[in-house]
Amino acid sequence: MAEIVNLNQRRKAAARAAAERQAAVNREKFGRSKAERARDAEAEARRNALLDGARQEPPKD
């Protein structure tokens, strides 16, 4: 005799599997490690400090 299959459960399981595959692709494509994010934040802070130090204020009347 044939196995009874709930099509709603199969559809949802297939959708979850597809979403997980897409998430894995996105993690590979866009993911950065904590060290990389920290390095970029430090570089941004250094760059902002350099710009703030070179800022010239307009003369006061």
C-alpha atoms as a PDB file:
ATOM      1  CA  MET A   1       0.000   0.000   0.000  1.00  0.00           C
ATOM      2  CA  ALA A   2       1.154   3.575  -0.641  1.00  0.00           C
ATOM      3  CA  GLU A   3       2.471   5.882   2.026  1.00  0.00           C
ATOM      4  CA  ILE A   4       0.124   8.730   2.955  1.00  0.00           C
ATOM      5  CA  VAL A   5       1.851  12.080   2.529  1.00  0.00           C
ATOM      6  CA  ASN A   6       0.715  15.441   3.833  1.00  0.00           C
ATOM      7  CA  LEU A   7       1.429  17.751   0.892  1.00  0.00           C
ATOM      8  CA  ASN A   8       1.296  20.848   3.086  1.00  0.00           C
ATOM      9  CA  GLN A   9       4.122  19.514   5.264  1.00  0.00           C
ATOM     10  CA  ARG A  10       6.163  18.507   2.212  1.00  0.00           C
ATOM     11  CA  ARG A  11       5.714  21.966   0.651  1.00  0.00           C
ATOM     12  CA  LYS A  12       6.772  23.714   3.850  1.00  0.00           C
ATOM     13  CA  ALA A  13       9.759  21.409   4.308  1.00  0.00           C
ATOM     14  CA  ALA A  14      10.882  22.109   0.751  1.00  0.00           C
ATOM     15  CA  ALA A  15      10.524  25.860   1.339  1.00  0.00           C
ATOM     16  CA  ARG A  16      12.599  25.626   4.552  1.00  0.00           C
ATOM     17  CA  ALA A  17      15.294  23.658   2.752  1.00  0.00           C
ATOM     18  CA  ALA A  18      15.414  26.212  -0.079  1.00  0.00           C
ATOM     19  CA  ALA A  19      15.628  29.067   2.426  1.00  0.00           C
ATOM     20  CA  GLU A  20      18.491  27.325   4.231  1.00  0.00           C
ATOM     21  CA  ARG A  21      20.369  26.820   0.960  1.00  0.00           C
ATOM     22  CA  GLN A  22      19.923  30.524   0.125  1.00  0.00           C
ATOM     23  CA  ALA A  23      21.075  31.502   3.622  1.00  0.00           C
ATOM     24  CA  ALA A  24      24.214  29.409   3.207  1.00  0.00           C
ATOM     25  CA  VAL A  25      24.962  31.140  -0.109  1.00  0.00           C
ATOM     26  CA  ASN A  26      24.417  34.565   1.501  1.00  0.00           C
ATOM     27  CA  ARG A  27      26.653  33.725   4.470  1.00  0.00           C
ATOM     28  CA  GLU A  28      29.390  32.729   2.052  1.00  0.00           C
ATOM     29  CA  LYS A  29      28.894  35.827  -0.094  1.00  0.00           C
ATOM     30  CA  PHE A  30      28.318  38.577   2.499  1.00  0.00           C
ATOM     31  CA  GLY A  31      29.517  37.182   5.822  1.00  0.00           C
ATOM     32  CA  ARG A  32      32.466  38.722   7.595  1.00  0.00           C
ATOM     33  CA  SER A  33      34.209  37.509  10.703  1.00  0.00           C
ATOM     34  CA  LYS A  34      34.181  39.460  13.949  1.00  0.00           C
ATOM     35  CA  ALA A  35      37.865  40.264  13.491  1.00  0.00           C
ATOM     36  CA  GLU A  36      37.221  41.724  10.036  1.00  0.00           C
ATOM     37  CA  ARG A  37      34.395  43.913  11.356  1.00  0.00           C
ATOM     38  CA  ALA A  38      36.591  45.098  14.258  1.00  0.00           C
ATOM     39  CA  ARG A  39      39.472  45.883  11.907  1.00  0.00           C
ATOM     40  CA  ASP A  40      37.180  47.910   9.644  1.00  0.00           C
ATOM     41  CA  ALA A  41      35.670  49.776  12.611  1.00  0.00           C
ATOM     42  CA  GLU A  42      39.152  50.637  13.885  1.00  0.00           C
ATOM     43  CA  ALA A  43      40.219  51.885  10.453  1.00  0.00           C
ATOM     44  CA  GLU A  44      37.057  54.008  10.227  1.00  0.00           C
ATOM     45  CA  ALA A  45      37.725  55.502  13.681  1.00  0.00           C
ATOM     46  CA  ARG A  46      41.331  56.283  12.695  1.00  0.00           C
ATOM     47  CA  ARG A  47      40.161  57.917   9.478  1.00  0.00           C
ATOM     48  CA  ASN A  48      37.557  60.024  11.322  1.00  0.00           C
ATOM     49  CA  ALA A  49      40.104  61.110  13.939  1.00  0.00           C
ATOM     50  CA  LEU A  50      42.503  62.182  11.192  1.00  0.00           C
ATOM     51  CA  LEU A  51      39.801  64.209   9.466  1.00  0.00           C
ATOM     52  CA  ASP A  52      38.647  65.801  12.730  1.00  0.00           C
ATOM     53  CA  GLY A  53      42.232  66.772  13.550  1.00  0.00           C
ATOM     54  CA  ALA A  54      42.678  68.469  10.184  1.00  0.00           C
ATOM     55  CA  ARG A  55      39.350  70.333  10.331  1.00  0.00           C
ATOM     56  CA  GLN A  56      39.612  74.096  10.104  1.00  0.00           C
ATOM     57  CA  GLU A  57      37.077  76.221  11.900  1.00  0.00           C
ATOM     58  CA  PRO A  58      35.770  79.329  10.179  1.00  0.00           C
ATOM     59  CA  PRO A  59      37.088  82.599  11.674  1.00  0.00           C
ATOM     60  CA  LYS A  60      34.909  84.114  14.410  1.00  0.00           C
ATOM     61  CA  ASP A  61      33.829  87.699  13.974  1.00  0.00           C
END
